[in-house]
Amino acid sequence: MDKHGVEKVQSGGLTITKVDGYFRTNIDTKLLKEEELEIAQKYSKIVEVAPSIRLKIDEMGTPT
């Protein structure tokens, strides 16, 4: 998509949108649990993740 300057493709009710990469900050939970287990347990929570569909399109010519 980058090669052709395309941000979005729509066809017959299907929309494919390019989403740019980005940086985010994460907490190393494995290390936190090793070094500060009580704090890790205190701030941990269980959240429900909604079902979704993932569509992967390999670049042209890339073997899969």
N, C-alpha and C. Protein backbone atom coordinates (compact mmCIF):
# COMPACT_ATOMS: atom_id res chain seq x y z
N MET A 1 0.83 -1.19 0.00
CA MET A 1 0.00 0.00 0.00
C MET A 1 0.88 1.25 0.00
N ASP A 2 1.96 1.20 0.78
CA ASP A 2 2.88 2.35 0.80
C ASP A 2 3.45 2.61 -0.58
N LYS A 3 3.85 1.53 -1.25
CA LYS A 3 4.49 1.65 -2.55
C LYS A 3 3.62 2.41 -3.55
N HIS A 4 2.30 2.23 -3.43
CA HIS A 4 1.37 2.85 -4.39
C HIS A 4 0.64 4.06 -3.80
N GLY A 5 0.99 4.46 -2.57
CA GLY A 5 0.37 5.62 -1.95
C GLY A 5 -1.10 5.44 -1.62
N VAL A 6 -1.51 4.20 -1.34
CA VAL A 6 -2.91 3.89 -1.06
C VAL A 6 -3.11 3.80 0.45
N GLU A 7 -4.10 4.50 0.97
CA GLU A 7 -4.42 4.46 2.39
C GLU A 7 -5.61 3.53 2.68
N LYS A 8 -6.55 3.44 1.70
CA LYS A 8 -7.77 2.67 1.93
C LYS A 8 -8.23 2.05 0.62
N VAL A 9 -8.72 0.79 0.72
CA VAL A 9 -9.29 0.10 -0.43
C VAL A 9 -10.68 -0.36 -0.04
N GLN A 10 -11.67 -0.05 -0.88
CA GLN A 10 -13.04 -0.47 -0.63
C GLN A 10 -13.55 -1.23 -1.84
N SER A 11 -14.20 -2.38 -1.57
CA SER A 11 -14.75 -3.17 -2.66
C SER A 11 -15.85 -4.07 -2.12
N GLY A 12 -17.03 -3.93 -2.67
CA GLY A 12 -18.15 -4.82 -2.33
C GLY A 12 -18.40 -4.98 -0.85
N GLY A 13 -18.36 -3.92 -0.10
CA GLY A 13 -18.63 -3.98 1.33
C GLY A 13 -17.40 -4.29 2.17
N LEU A 14 -16.26 -4.55 1.56
CA LEU A 14 -15.01 -4.81 2.27
C LEU A 14 -14.16 -3.56 2.24
N THR A 15 -13.67 -3.15 3.39
CA THR A 15 -12.77 -2.00 3.47
C THR A 15 -11.47 -2.45 4.12
N ILE A 16 -10.36 -2.17 3.46
CA ILE A 16 -9.04 -2.44 4.00
C ILE A 16 -8.36 -1.10 4.19
N THR A 17 -7.95 -0.81 5.41
CA THR A 17 -7.35 0.47 5.73
C THR A 17 -5.94 0.26 6.26
N LYS A 18 -5.00 1.02 5.74
CA LYS A 18 -3.62 0.97 6.23
C LYS A 18 -3.56 1.75 7.54
N VAL A 19 -2.99 1.14 8.56
CA VAL A 19 -2.81 1.79 9.84
C VAL A 19 -1.32 1.94 10.06
N ASP A 20 -0.87 3.17 10.23
CA ASP A 20 0.56 3.42 10.43
C ASP A 20 1.04 2.82 11.74
N GLY A 21 2.30 2.41 11.76
CA GLY A 21 2.92 1.94 12.98
C GLY A 21 3.10 3.10 13.94
N TYR A 22 3.25 2.78 15.21
CA TYR A 22 3.44 3.82 16.22
C TYR A 22 4.20 3.23 17.40
N PHE A 23 4.70 4.10 18.26
CA PHE A 23 5.38 3.69 19.47
C PHE A 23 4.41 3.75 20.63
N ARG A 24 4.55 2.83 21.57
CA ARG A 24 3.75 2.88 22.78
C ARG A 24 4.63 2.43 23.95
N THR A 25 4.24 2.80 25.13
CA THR A 25 4.97 2.43 26.32
C THR A 25 4.26 1.26 26.98
N ASN A 26 5.02 0.23 27.27
CA ASN A 26 4.49 -0.95 27.96
C ASN A 26 5.23 -1.13 29.27
N ILE A 27 4.65 -1.88 30.17
CA ILE A 27 5.31 -2.25 31.41
C ILE A 27 5.73 -3.71 31.28
N ASP A 28 6.97 -3.99 31.63
CA ASP A 28 7.50 -5.35 31.60
C ASP A 28 6.91 -6.11 32.79
N THR A 29 5.74 -6.72 32.57
CA THR A 29 5.03 -7.36 33.68
C THR A 29 5.78 -8.57 34.23
N LYS A 30 6.51 -9.27 33.39
CA LYS A 30 7.28 -10.40 33.88
C LYS A 30 8.31 -9.93 34.91
N LEU A 31 9.05 -8.88 34.57
CA LEU A 31 10.05 -8.33 35.48
C LEU A 31 9.40 -7.74 36.72
N LEU A 32 8.28 -7.03 36.54
CA LEU A 32 7.57 -6.44 37.68
C LEU A 32 7.12 -7.53 38.65
N LYS A 33 6.60 -8.64 38.13
CA LYS A 33 6.16 -9.74 38.99
C LYS A 33 7.33 -10.37 39.72
N GLU A 34 8.49 -10.43 39.08
CA GLU A 34 9.67 -10.99 39.72
C GLU A 34 10.19 -10.09 40.84
N GLU A 35 10.18 -8.77 40.60
CA GLU A 35 10.79 -7.85 41.54
C GLU A 35 9.81 -7.23 42.54
N GLU A 36 8.55 -7.05 42.14
CA GLU A 36 7.55 -6.40 43.00
C GLU A 36 6.21 -7.10 42.84
N LEU A 37 6.14 -8.35 43.29
CA LEU A 37 4.94 -9.17 43.09
C LEU A 37 3.69 -8.53 43.70
N GLU A 38 3.80 -7.98 44.90
CA GLU A 38 2.62 -7.39 45.55
C GLU A 38 2.06 -6.22 44.74
N ILE A 39 2.94 -5.38 44.22
CA ILE A 39 2.49 -4.24 43.41
C ILE A 39 1.85 -4.74 42.12
N ALA A 40 2.46 -5.74 41.49
CA ALA A 40 1.91 -6.31 40.25
C ALA A 40 0.51 -6.87 40.49
N GLN A 41 0.33 -7.58 41.60
CA GLN A 41 -0.98 -8.15 41.92
C GLN A 41 -2.00 -7.07 42.25
N LYS A 42 -1.55 -6.03 42.95
CA LYS A 42 -2.45 -4.95 43.35
C LYS A 42 -3.04 -4.23 42.13
N TYR A 43 -2.24 -4.03 41.10
CA TYR A 43 -2.68 -3.25 39.95
C TYR A 43 -3.07 -4.09 38.74
N SER A 44 -3.11 -5.39 38.88
CA SER A 44 -3.54 -6.26 37.78
C SER A 44 -5.06 -6.31 37.73
N LYS A 45 -5.59 -6.43 36.53
CA LYS A 45 -7.04 -6.59 36.39
C LYS A 45 -7.32 -7.44 35.16
N ILE A 46 -8.45 -8.08 35.17
CA ILE A 46 -8.88 -8.91 34.04
C ILE A 46 -9.90 -8.10 33.25
N VAL A 47 -9.69 -8.01 31.95
CA VAL A 47 -10.62 -7.29 31.08
C VAL A 47 -11.08 -8.22 29.96
N GLU A 48 -12.30 -8.05 29.54
CA GLU A 48 -12.84 -8.84 28.44
C GLU A 48 -12.42 -8.21 27.12
N VAL A 49 -11.96 -9.03 26.21
CA VAL A 49 -11.59 -8.57 24.88
C VAL A 49 -12.68 -9.02 23.91
N ALA A 50 -13.24 -8.07 23.18
CA ALA A 50 -14.32 -8.39 22.24
C ALA A 50 -13.78 -9.21 21.08
N PRO A 51 -14.61 -10.09 20.53
CA PRO A 51 -14.19 -10.83 19.34
C PRO A 51 -13.91 -9.88 18.19
N SER A 52 -12.99 -10.27 17.32
CA SER A 52 -12.67 -9.43 16.17
C SER A 52 -12.23 -10.31 15.02
N ILE A 53 -12.06 -9.70 13.88
CA ILE A 53 -11.58 -10.39 12.68
C ILE A 53 -10.28 -9.73 12.29
N ARG A 54 -9.28 -10.54 12.02
CA ARG A 54 -7.99 -10.01 11.58
C ARG A 54 -7.80 -10.38 10.13
N LEU A 55 -7.44 -9.41 9.31
CA LEU A 55 -7.19 -9.63 7.90
C LEU A 55 -5.72 -9.32 7.65
N LYS A 56 -4.98 -10.28 7.11
CA LYS A 56 -3.57 -10.07 6.82
C LYS A 56 -3.36 -10.18 5.32
N ILE A 57 -2.69 -9.20 4.79
CA ILE A 57 -2.37 -9.21 3.37
C ILE A 57 -0.86 -9.13 3.25
N ASP A 58 -0.24 -10.17 2.70
CA ASP A 58 1.20 -10.17 2.50
C ASP A 58 1.55 -9.30 1.32
N GLU A 59 2.75 -8.74 1.34
CA GLU A 59 3.21 -7.93 0.23
C GLU A 59 3.33 -8.80 -1.01
N MET A 60 3.09 -8.23 -2.13
CA MET A 60 3.18 -8.97 -3.40
C MET A 60 4.59 -9.54 -3.56
N GLY A 61 4.67 -10.79 -3.96
CA GLY A 61 5.96 -11.41 -4.22
C GLY A 61 6.63 -11.96 -2.98
N THR A 62 6.07 -11.74 -1.80
CA THR A 62 6.67 -12.27 -0.58
C THR A 62 6.14 -13.69 -0.35
N PRO A 63 7.02 -14.68 -0.28
CA PRO A 63 6.54 -16.04 -0.03
C PRO A 63 5.92 -16.15 1.36
N THR A 64 4.87 -16.94 1.48
CA THR A 64 4.21 -17.12 2.78
C THR A 64 4.49 -18.48 3.36
